[in-house]
Amino acid sequence: MTTFPNVDYVQQSYHHPELNFSTEDYSLLTDLYQLTMAACYTGEGIEQKRASFELFVRRLPEGFSYLIAMGLAQALEYLAKFRFNSSQIAALQATEIFTHAPERFWSLLTEGGFTGDVWAVPEGTAVFAKEPLLRVEAPLWQAQLVETYLLNTLNYQTLIATRAARLRDIAGEKAKLLEFGTRRAFSPQASLWAARAALAGGLDSTSNVLAAIQLGEKPSGTMAHALVMALSALEGSEEQAFTAFHQYFPGAPLLIDTYDTVAAAQRLAEKVKAGEMTLSGVRLDSGDLVTLSKEVRSLLPNVSIFASGDLDEWEIARLKAKGAEIDSYGIGTKLVTGTPVNGVYKLVDIDGIPVMKQSSGKFTYPGRKQIFRSFVGSKLQADRLGLVSENSVTEQPLLKLVMKEGKQLQPQESLATIRQRTAASVASLPEETRRLENSVSVTVEISEPLQKLTEETKKK
């Protein structure tokens, strides 16, 4: 394995002691080997050769039968801003890793931005194993350097969007679904991406204030046990805590399981019945949600019941099957964490020459590809993976040209548009693909021209 010199510093002008980053840092937000490969390409004089890389998953995460593509908006924003400034280049030089890199490598970074084309499936589209979510066609050094960031944003947001779509499908159209995974997301940046992907995937709102405001949405939430405990201790009772909160947020949902859920519901019911209180909802965060929700519903028949506490699509399905009286769900930890989407980014064509990987378990198909999808009415019938040179009058090509010569071709889509596409995509899937138990993914057919190209490339 190649090793590089250890260094304890970077140039002081680029030192970020708190490990924060801004959009101008994105070009350095990559793996080292992307830069060392780019330097090698430059030394060999092939850095400007036209290369095509495709981003796809070899296999779906365990328990998943489809994915909802997400993260394209952030990917295109990154590519549009991709460039290196003098401080970044000085910091790279200070590592002493690139001592033998050709001088042309530094001028390439200084002068270069992203000038390639991007083909992608629209966000909110259902995809399956082996199908490219995105293809980058660009000079080799550029297409190589952007791999890490593209995988980071598409893998994570696709995971969240898929979980959100499954949650919506199981909960039904009428249920309100709130994302509040910020405290469990893997970083502050991830929490923003998770909120966006969750909303685009079908959830109604997020508790993340920054994400909501940036997305033009209204944040949602209730209260924590801390408020009930603090005001109960200082002002005398749980009832007084609720009264105090409603003084500033009239009618807001109340968290009623801090002490005795049923007793709290009984006291609230008396106040509502007497006309002393307006109450929009109550939240249950612990205990037997099936039994408690039924008891609370009998006491507060016209009040929305909100449930939270390590929920996921499996638990929501169980609660519904048991007849739980729940109108809304809050989903956090299990939405923003869990089984990763292992998307990969592989070279499929260099200078017009189709290439492929033949490693055991990591085989890839050569050539630039297109996904051809056929429908019967509004239902997905079949997917066919073929070459871009193929044509079809009965199938719908999924990969669209979204960036040309480094310029985005269309304005960014609204969350509402992506959310609608997600809902339509899921609704189009076969029932056996949508179900949680023993689900079956859609089989992707490999076209005859692609099969032929694969055999020819193997022989070469």
Protein backbone atom coordinates (compact mmCIF):
# COMPACT_ATOMS: atom_id res chain seq x y z
CA MET A 1 0.00 0.00 0.00
CA THR A 2 1.31 3.45 -0.91
CA THR A 3 2.09 5.67 2.08
CA PHE A 4 2.68 9.39 2.25
CA PRO A 5 4.74 11.58 4.58
CA ASN A 6 3.11 12.50 7.89
CA VAL A 7 2.61 16.21 8.36
CA ASP A 8 1.46 18.03 11.48
CA TYR A 9 0.41 21.26 9.88
CA VAL A 10 -1.16 23.05 7.00
CA GLN A 11 -0.36 26.56 5.92
CA GLN A 12 -1.50 28.95 8.64
CA SER A 13 -3.57 30.97 6.22
CA TYR A 14 -5.79 27.92 5.70
CA HIS A 15 -5.92 26.63 9.28
CA HIS A 16 -9.48 25.88 10.48
CA PRO A 17 -9.09 24.93 14.18
CA GLU A 18 -12.81 24.26 14.68
CA LEU A 19 -13.04 21.98 11.62
CA ASN A 20 -15.78 24.04 10.01
CA PHE A 21 -16.19 24.51 6.29
CA SER A 22 -17.99 26.76 3.86
CA THR A 23 -18.96 26.25 0.24
CA GLU A 24 -15.57 27.57 -0.91
CA ASP A 25 -13.93 24.62 0.89
CA TYR A 26 -15.86 22.00 -1.10
CA SER A 27 -13.05 21.33 -3.57
CA LEU A 28 -10.81 20.12 -0.73
CA LEU A 29 -13.63 18.08 0.78
CA THR A 30 -12.43 14.96 -0.98
CA ASP A 31 -10.31 11.86 -0.40
CA LEU A 32 -6.57 12.22 -0.84
CA TYR A 33 -6.38 9.59 -3.55
CA GLN A 34 -8.60 11.66 -5.83
CA LEU A 35 -5.91 14.35 -5.85
CA THR A 36 -2.99 11.95 -6.18
CA MET A 37 -4.70 10.21 -9.11
CA ALA A 38 -5.38 13.58 -10.76
CA ALA A 39 -1.71 14.45 -10.37
CA CYS A 40 -0.72 11.13 -11.91
CA TYR A 41 -3.11 11.62 -14.84
CA THR A 42 -1.56 15.04 -15.41
CA GLY A 43 1.97 13.65 -15.35
CA GLU A 44 0.96 11.02 -17.92
CA GLY A 45 -0.66 13.65 -20.13
CA ILE A 46 -4.13 12.10 -20.06
CA GLU A 47 -5.86 14.49 -17.65
CA GLN A 48 -7.98 16.05 -20.41
CA LYS A 49 -9.18 12.77 -21.90
CA ARG A 50 -12.98 12.60 -21.87
CA ALA A 51 -14.14 10.24 -19.11
CA SER A 52 -17.55 8.96 -18.08
CA PHE A 53 -18.25 7.83 -14.53
CA GLU A 54 -21.58 6.40 -13.35
CA LEU A 55 -22.93 6.43 -9.79
CA PHE A 56 -25.06 3.41 -8.85
CA VAL A 57 -25.59 0.75 -6.17
CA ARG A 58 -24.55 -2.84 -6.82
CA ARG A 59 -27.17 -4.14 -4.42
CA LEU A 60 -29.98 -2.61 -2.39
CA PRO A 61 -29.63 -2.26 1.40
CA GLU A 62 -30.98 -5.22 3.33
CA GLY A 63 -34.76 -5.00 3.68
CA PHE A 64 -35.10 -2.48 0.83
CA SER A 65 -36.68 -3.31 -2.52
CA TYR A 66 -36.24 0.12 -4.14
CA LEU A 67 -34.46 3.43 -3.64
CA ILE A 68 -35.68 7.01 -4.11
CA ALA A 69 -32.96 9.04 -5.84
CA MET A 70 -32.11 12.22 -3.94
CA GLY A 71 -29.26 14.73 -3.55
CA LEU A 72 -28.95 15.90 -7.15
CA ALA A 73 -29.63 19.55 -6.29
CA GLN A 74 -26.67 19.68 -3.90
CA ALA A 75 -24.50 17.74 -6.35
CA LEU A 76 -25.11 20.26 -9.12
CA GLU A 77 -24.55 23.20 -6.78
CA TYR A 78 -21.21 21.68 -5.80
CA LEU A 79 -20.14 21.11 -9.40
CA ALA A 80 -21.08 24.67 -10.37
CA LYS A 81 -18.83 26.07 -7.62
CA PHE A 82 -15.98 23.57 -7.98
CA ARG A 83 -12.61 25.35 -8.07
CA PHE A 84 -9.42 25.77 -6.05
CA ASN A 85 -8.19 29.08 -4.62
CA SER A 86 -4.60 30.06 -3.87
CA SER A 87 -4.86 29.26 -0.14
CA GLN A 88 -6.11 25.75 -0.85
CA ILE A 89 -3.34 25.09 -3.32
CA ALA A 90 -0.75 26.43 -0.88
CA ALA A 91 -2.16 24.14 1.82
CA LEU A 92 -1.85 21.12 -0.48
CA GLN A 93 1.73 22.04 -1.33
CA ALA A 94 2.56 22.44 2.37
CA THR A 95 1.67 18.80 3.04
CA GLU A 96 4.74 17.79 1.01
CA ILE A 97 2.77 14.87 -0.40
CA PHE A 98 2.84 16.33 -3.91
CA THR A 99 6.58 17.06 -4.07
CA HIS A 100 7.01 15.04 -7.24
CA ALA A 101 3.75 16.09 -8.87
CA PRO A 102 4.18 17.81 -12.25
CA GLU A 103 4.05 21.60 -12.27
CA ARG A 104 1.16 21.38 -14.73
CA PHE A 105 -0.95 19.84 -11.92
CA TRP A 106 -0.85 23.09 -9.93
CA SER A 107 -1.72 25.27 -12.91
CA LEU A 108 -4.57 22.86 -13.69
CA LEU A 109 -6.04 23.36 -10.21
CA THR A 110 -5.49 27.12 -10.39
CA GLU A 111 -7.19 27.54 -13.75
CA GLY A 112 -9.80 24.82 -13.63
CA GLY A 113 -13.45 24.57 -12.71
CA PHE A 114 -15.93 21.86 -13.63
CA THR A 115 -16.65 21.96 -17.38
CA GLY A 116 -18.37 18.62 -17.87
CA ASP A 117 -21.87 17.31 -18.56
CA VAL A 118 -24.12 15.52 -16.06
CA TRP A 119 -26.94 13.10 -16.78
CA ALA A 120 -29.18 12.10 -13.88
CA VAL A 121 -32.54 10.64 -12.92
CA PRO A 122 -34.79 13.35 -11.44
CA GLU A 123 -34.95 13.51 -7.66
CA GLY A 124 -37.86 11.51 -6.29
CA THR A 125 -37.53 8.75 -8.90
CA ALA A 126 -37.59 5.10 -7.81
CA VAL A 127 -34.46 3.23 -8.91
CA PHE A 128 -33.02 -0.24 -8.43
CA ALA A 129 -29.67 -2.02 -8.21
CA LYS A 130 -27.24 -1.51 -11.12
CA GLU A 131 -29.16 1.54 -12.42
CA PRO A 132 -27.12 4.77 -12.63
CA LEU A 133 -28.53 7.60 -10.54
CA LEU A 134 -26.07 9.94 -12.23
CA ARG A 135 -23.38 10.01 -14.92
CA VAL A 136 -20.55 12.55 -15.14
CA GLU A 137 -18.92 13.13 -18.54
CA ALA A 138 -15.92 15.42 -18.17
CA PRO A 139 -12.15 15.73 -18.53
CA LEU A 140 -10.66 12.84 -16.56
CA TRP A 141 -9.10 14.93 -13.79
CA GLN A 142 -12.39 16.71 -13.08
CA ALA A 143 -14.56 13.61 -13.21
CA GLN A 144 -12.15 11.90 -10.79
CA LEU A 145 -11.91 14.71 -8.24
CA VAL A 146 -15.66 15.10 -7.75
CA GLU A 147 -16.31 11.43 -6.84
CA THR A 148 -16.16 11.73 -3.05
CA TYR A 149 -18.54 14.65 -2.69
CA LEU A 150 -21.07 13.23 -5.15
CA LEU A 151 -21.17 9.91 -3.31
CA ASN A 152 -21.50 11.68 0.03
CA THR A 153 -24.54 13.73 -0.89
CA LEU A 154 -26.35 11.19 -3.10
CA ASN A 155 -25.80 8.18 -0.85
CA TYR A 156 -27.04 9.88 2.32
CA GLN A 157 -29.97 11.79 0.88
CA THR A 158 -31.09 8.75 -1.11
CA LEU A 159 -31.15 6.73 2.12
CA ILE A 160 -33.26 9.34 3.93
CA ALA A 161 -35.63 9.90 1.01
CA THR A 162 -36.19 6.16 0.67
CA ARG A 163 -36.95 5.76 4.37
CA ALA A 164 -39.29 8.77 4.19
CA ALA A 165 -41.11 7.34 1.16
CA ARG A 166 -41.58 4.00 2.93
CA LEU A 167 -42.84 5.75 6.05
CA ARG A 168 -45.36 7.73 4.03
CA ASP A 169 -46.47 4.62 2.15
CA ILE A 170 -47.06 2.70 5.39
CA ALA A 171 -48.56 5.57 7.41
CA GLY A 172 -50.96 6.57 4.63
CA GLU A 173 -51.78 9.92 3.07
CA LYS A 174 -53.79 11.29 6.01
CA ALA A 175 -51.18 10.82 8.74
CA LYS A 176 -48.92 13.76 9.58
CA LEU A 177 -45.24 12.86 9.60
CA LEU A 178 -42.65 15.05 11.32
CA GLU A 179 -38.89 14.72 10.86
CA PHE A 180 -36.91 15.42 14.00
CA GLY A 181 -33.66 13.55 13.55
CA THR A 182 -31.31 16.54 13.90
CA ARG A 183 -29.86 15.38 17.24
CA ARG A 184 -29.17 11.90 15.82
CA ALA A 185 -27.90 12.85 12.36
CA PHE A 186 -24.21 12.22 11.82
CA SER A 187 -23.27 15.91 11.66
CA PRO A 188 -24.86 19.37 11.53
CA GLN A 189 -24.54 19.33 7.73
CA ALA A 190 -26.10 15.88 7.60
CA SER A 191 -29.05 17.12 9.65
CA LEU A 192 -29.84 19.73 6.98
CA TRP A 193 -29.58 17.19 4.18
CA ALA A 194 -31.67 14.72 6.16
CA ALA A 195 -34.42 17.29 6.69
CA ARG A 196 -34.50 18.17 3.00
CA ALA A 197 -34.50 14.55 1.83
CA ALA A 198 -37.20 13.62 4.36
CA LEU A 199 -39.51 16.39 3.16
CA ALA A 200 -38.84 15.57 -0.48
CA GLY A 201 -39.46 11.91 0.30
CA GLY A 202 -42.93 12.56 1.69
CA LEU A 203 -42.77 13.86 5.25
CA ASP A 204 -44.83 16.93 6.11
CA SER A 205 -42.43 19.04 8.15
CA THR A 206 -39.17 19.19 10.09
CA SER A 207 -38.26 20.40 13.56
CA ASN A 208 -34.90 21.67 12.22
CA VAL A 209 -35.42 25.43 12.18
CA LEU A 210 -32.46 26.28 9.96
CA ALA A 211 -33.40 23.61 7.41
CA ALA A 212 -37.04 24.70 7.36
CA ILE A 213 -36.21 28.38 6.87
CA GLN A 214 -33.63 27.67 4.16
CA LEU A 215 -36.15 25.46 2.36
CA GLY A 216 -38.97 27.98 2.65
CA GLU A 217 -40.93 25.69 4.96
CA LYS A 218 -42.48 26.23 8.39
CA PRO A 219 -40.76 24.31 11.22
CA SER A 220 -42.89 22.09 13.47
CA GLY A 221 -42.53 20.72 16.98
CA THR A 222 -44.06 20.34 20.41
CA MET A 223 -42.15 20.49 23.70
CA ALA A 224 -39.71 18.38 25.73
CA HIS A 225 -40.09 16.74 29.13
CA ALA A 226 -37.65 19.30 30.53
CA LEU A 227 -40.20 22.11 30.30
CA VAL A 228 -42.85 20.07 32.09
CA MET A 229 -40.43 19.02 34.82
CA ALA A 230 -38.94 22.49 35.30
CA LEU A 231 -42.27 24.34 35.49
CA SER A 232 -43.88 21.59 37.58
CA ALA A 233 -41.07 21.86 40.10
CA LEU A 234 -41.04 25.65 40.20
CA GLU A 235 -44.71 26.50 39.71
CA GLY A 236 -46.42 23.59 41.45
CA SER A 237 -47.86 21.07 38.98
CA GLU A 238 -47.91 19.61 35.50
CA GLU A 239 -51.22 21.41 34.92
CA GLN A 240 -49.57 24.76 35.65
CA ALA A 241 -46.75 23.87 33.25
CA PHE A 242 -49.30 23.32 30.48
CA THR A 243 -51.09 26.57 31.33
CA ALA A 244 -47.84 28.51 31.24
CA PHE A 245 -46.88 27.07 27.84
CA HIS A 246 -50.29 27.90 26.38
CA GLN A 247 -49.95 31.47 27.61
CA TYR A 248 -47.20 31.96 25.02
CA PHE A 249 -48.27 29.33 22.46
CA PRO A 250 -52.08 29.13 22.64
CA GLY A 251 -53.56 25.76 21.75
CA ALA A 252 -50.17 24.19 20.98
CA PRO A 253 -49.75 20.39 21.32
CA LEU A 254 -48.76 19.24 24.82
CA LEU A 255 -46.43 16.40 25.85
CA ILE A 256 -48.47 14.43 28.39
CA ASP A 257 -46.37 11.39 29.34
CA THR A 258 -43.87 12.97 31.76
CA TYR A 259 -45.62 11.51 34.82
CA ASP A 260 -49.00 9.79 34.31
CA THR A 261 -50.28 9.90 30.73
CA VAL A 262 -53.90 8.96 31.43
CA ALA A 263 -54.20 11.26 34.45
CA ALA A 264 -52.84 14.15 32.41
CA ALA A 265 -55.32 13.42 29.62
CA GLN A 266 -58.19 13.32 32.12
CA ARG A 267 -57.30 16.74 33.53
CA LEU A 268 -56.96 18.21 30.05
CA ALA A 269 -60.29 16.70 29.02
CA GLU A 270 -62.02 18.41 31.94
CA LYS A 271 -60.56 21.78 30.95
CA VAL A 272 -61.46 21.34 27.28
CA LYS A 273 -65.01 20.26 28.17
CA ALA A 274 -65.43 23.24 30.49
CA GLY A 275 -64.29 25.61 27.75
CA GLU A 276 -61.23 26.65 29.76
CA MET A 277 -58.73 25.45 27.17
CA THR A 278 -58.26 25.05 23.43
CA LEU A 279 -56.04 22.09 22.60
CA SER A 280 -54.86 21.10 19.12
CA GLY A 281 -52.99 17.94 20.06
CA VAL A 282 -51.16 15.80 22.60
CA ARG A 283 -47.91 13.91 22.23
CA LEU A 284 -47.09 10.43 23.54
CA ASP A 285 -43.39 9.60 23.69
CA SER A 286 -43.24 6.41 25.77
CA GLY A 287 -45.15 3.43 27.10
CA ASP A 288 -47.59 1.14 25.32
CA LEU A 289 -48.62 3.44 22.48
CA VAL A 290 -51.48 1.21 21.37
CA THR A 291 -53.19 1.11 24.78
CA LEU A 292 -52.37 4.69 25.74
CA SER A 293 -53.53 6.16 22.44
CA LYS A 294 -56.88 4.38 22.78
CA GLU A 295 -57.37 5.64 26.34
CA VAL A 296 -56.38 9.18 25.39
CA ARG A 297 -58.73 9.10 22.37
CA SER A 298 -61.65 8.14 24.62
CA LEU A 299 -60.89 11.13 26.85
CA LEU A 300 -59.98 13.62 24.11
CA PRO A 301 -61.99 12.48 21.07
CA ASN A 302 -61.44 15.65 19.03
CA VAL A 303 -57.76 16.19 19.80
CA SER A 304 -54.99 14.99 17.48
CA ILE A 305 -52.69 12.35 18.99
CA PHE A 306 -49.01 12.57 18.07
CA ALA A 307 -46.64 9.64 18.79
CA SER A 308 -42.86 9.56 18.92
CA GLY A 309 -40.08 7.43 20.40
CA ASP A 310 -37.76 5.40 18.12
CA LEU A 311 -40.40 4.91 15.45
CA ASP A 312 -39.80 3.55 11.95
CA GLU A 313 -41.95 2.12 9.16
CA TRP A 314 -42.01 -1.32 10.82
CA GLU A 315 -43.27 0.07 14.14
CA ILE A 316 -45.85 2.29 12.45
CA ALA A 317 -47.14 -0.75 10.55
CA ARG A 318 -47.42 -2.64 13.86
CA LEU A 319 -49.23 0.24 15.58
CA LYS A 320 -51.72 0.51 12.73
CA ALA A 321 -52.32 -3.24 12.72
CA LYS A 322 -53.07 -3.12 16.46
CA GLY A 323 -55.59 -0.32 15.98
CA ALA A 324 -53.62 2.45 17.67
CA GLU A 325 -55.43 5.81 17.69
CA ILE A 326 -52.58 7.90 16.31
CA ASP A 327 -52.90 10.78 13.84
CA SER A 328 -49.30 11.94 13.56
CA TYR A 329 -45.84 10.46 13.98
CA GLY A 330 -42.47 11.95 14.81
CA ILE A 331 -39.52 10.09 13.29
CA GLY A 332 -35.92 10.76 14.25
CA THR A 333 -33.13 8.29 14.96
CA LYS A 334 -34.23 5.46 12.68
CA LEU A 335 -34.88 7.85 9.81
CA VAL A 336 -31.52 9.62 9.77
CA THR A 337 -29.35 6.59 10.65
CA GLY A 338 -29.42 2.91 9.77
CA THR A 339 -28.32 0.70 6.90
CA PRO A 340 -26.30 2.84 4.46
CA VAL A 341 -26.83 3.16 0.74
CA ASN A 342 -23.54 1.89 -0.68
CA GLY A 343 -23.48 3.82 -3.92
CA VAL A 344 -20.30 3.53 -5.99
CA TYR A 345 -18.84 5.74 -8.73
CA LYS A 346 -17.16 3.81 -11.50
CA LEU A 347 -15.38 4.64 -14.75
CA VAL A 348 -17.35 3.22 -17.70
CA ASP A 349 -15.73 4.97 -20.68
CA ILE A 350 -12.42 6.74 -21.29
CA ASP A 351 -11.71 8.59 -24.53
CA GLY A 352 -14.50 6.65 -26.25
CA ILE A 353 -13.20 3.27 -25.03
CA PRO A 354 -15.71 1.29 -22.91
CA VAL A 355 -14.15 -0.07 -19.71
CA MET A 356 -15.36 -2.39 -16.95
CA LYS A 357 -14.36 -3.87 -13.61
CA GLN A 358 -14.26 -7.67 -13.35
CA SER A 359 -13.39 -8.13 -9.66
CA SER A 360 -15.30 -10.89 -7.90
CA GLY A 361 -18.49 -9.44 -6.45
CA LYS A 362 -17.69 -6.00 -7.87
CA PHE A 363 -18.39 -6.51 -11.57
CA THR A 364 -19.51 -3.43 -13.53
CA TYR A 365 -21.06 -3.02 -16.97
CA PRO A 366 -19.05 -1.02 -19.54
CA GLY A 367 -20.14 1.95 -21.60
CA ARG A 368 -22.41 4.94 -21.07
CA LYS A 369 -25.85 3.69 -20.16
CA GLN A 370 -29.49 4.67 -20.05
CA ILE A 371 -32.39 3.30 -18.00
CA PHE A 372 -35.43 2.49 -20.11
CA ARG A 373 -38.67 2.20 -18.10
CA SER A 374 -41.98 0.86 -19.37
CA PHE A 375 -45.44 1.32 -17.84
CA VAL A 376 -48.85 -0.25 -18.15
CA GLY A 377 -51.13 2.65 -17.36
CA SER A 378 -49.57 4.26 -14.28
CA LYS A 379 -47.89 1.03 -13.08
CA LEU A 380 -44.23 0.26 -13.65
CA GLN A 381 -43.96 -2.85 -15.81
CA ALA A 382 -40.22 -3.30 -16.36
CA ASP A 383 -36.82 -1.61 -16.38
CA ARG A 384 -34.15 -2.23 -18.98
CA LEU A 385 -30.53 -1.14 -18.63
CA GLY A 386 -29.10 -0.34 -22.05
CA LEU A 387 -26.59 1.84 -23.85
CA VAL A 388 -27.18 5.53 -24.60
CA SER A 389 -27.05 4.71 -28.31
CA GLU A 390 -30.19 2.56 -28.03
CA ASN A 391 -33.61 3.94 -28.90
CA SER A 392 -37.11 3.02 -27.82
CA VAL A 393 -40.53 4.41 -28.68
CA THR A 394 -42.39 2.44 -25.99
CA GLU A 395 -40.05 2.99 -23.04
CA GLN A 396 -39.26 6.11 -21.04
CA PRO A 397 -35.55 7.07 -20.69
CA LEU A 398 -34.89 8.09 -17.08
CA LEU A 399 -31.48 9.77 -17.25
CA LYS A 400 -31.81 13.41 -18.33
CA LEU A 401 -29.13 15.93 -19.28
CA VAL A 402 -29.10 18.31 -16.29
CA MET A 403 -25.73 20.09 -16.70
CA LYS A 404 -23.93 21.05 -19.90
CA GLU A 405 -20.32 22.28 -19.93
CA GLY A 406 -20.51 23.05 -16.22
CA LYS A 407 -23.76 25.01 -16.46
CA GLN A 408 -27.00 23.80 -14.88
CA LEU A 409 -29.70 23.62 -17.54
CA GLN A 410 -32.83 24.01 -15.41
CA PRO A 411 -33.60 25.92 -12.19
CA GLN A 412 -33.67 23.89 -9.00
CA GLU A 413 -36.96 22.07 -8.51
CA SER A 414 -39.22 22.86 -5.56
CA LEU A 415 -39.68 20.43 -2.70
CA ALA A 416 -43.35 20.17 -3.61
CA THR A 417 -42.48 19.01 -7.13
CA ILE A 418 -40.00 16.41 -5.86
CA ARG A 419 -42.43 15.25 -3.18
CA GLN A 420 -45.13 14.72 -5.81
CA ARG A 421 -42.72 12.77 -8.01
CA THR A 422 -41.75 10.59 -5.05
CA ALA A 423 -45.39 9.81 -4.29
CA ALA A 424 -46.09 8.97 -7.93
CA SER A 425 -42.96 6.81 -8.15
CA VAL A 426 -43.90 4.76 -5.11
CA ALA A 427 -47.53 4.45 -6.27
CA SER A 428 -46.30 3.07 -9.60
CA LEU A 429 -44.37 0.21 -7.99
CA PRO A 430 -45.75 -3.34 -7.90
CA GLU A 431 -47.40 -4.27 -4.59
CA GLU A 432 -44.75 -6.91 -3.88
CA THR A 433 -42.08 -4.21 -4.16
CA ARG A 434 -43.87 -1.79 -1.79
CA ARG A 435 -44.60 -4.21 1.04
CA LEU A 436 -42.29 -4.44 4.06
CA GLU A 437 -42.47 -8.20 4.59
CA ASN A 438 -40.82 -10.39 1.94
CA SER A 439 -40.65 -7.57 -0.56
CA VAL A 440 -39.39 -8.28 -4.07
CA SER A 441 -37.40 -5.75 -6.06
CA VAL A 442 -38.02 -5.06 -9.73
CA THR A 443 -35.76 -7.14 -11.97
CA VAL A 444 -33.64 -4.97 -14.24
CA GLU A 445 -33.21 -6.50 -17.69
CA ILE A 446 -29.84 -6.06 -19.40
CA SER A 447 -30.26 -5.14 -23.07
CA GLU A 448 -28.75 -7.26 -25.82
CA PRO A 449 -26.41 -4.47 -27.04
CA LEU A 450 -25.11 -4.00 -23.48
CA GLN A 451 -24.63 -7.74 -23.04
CA LYS A 452 -22.74 -7.85 -26.34
CA LEU A 453 -20.53 -4.89 -25.36
CA THR A 454 -19.80 -6.55 -22.03
CA GLU A 455 -18.58 -9.75 -23.72
CA GLU A 456 -16.49 -7.80 -26.20
CA THR A 457 -14.91 -5.72 -23.44
CA LYS A 458 -14.10 -8.87 -21.43
CA LYS A 459 -12.24 -10.30 -24.40
CA LYS A 460 -10.17 -7.14 -24.80
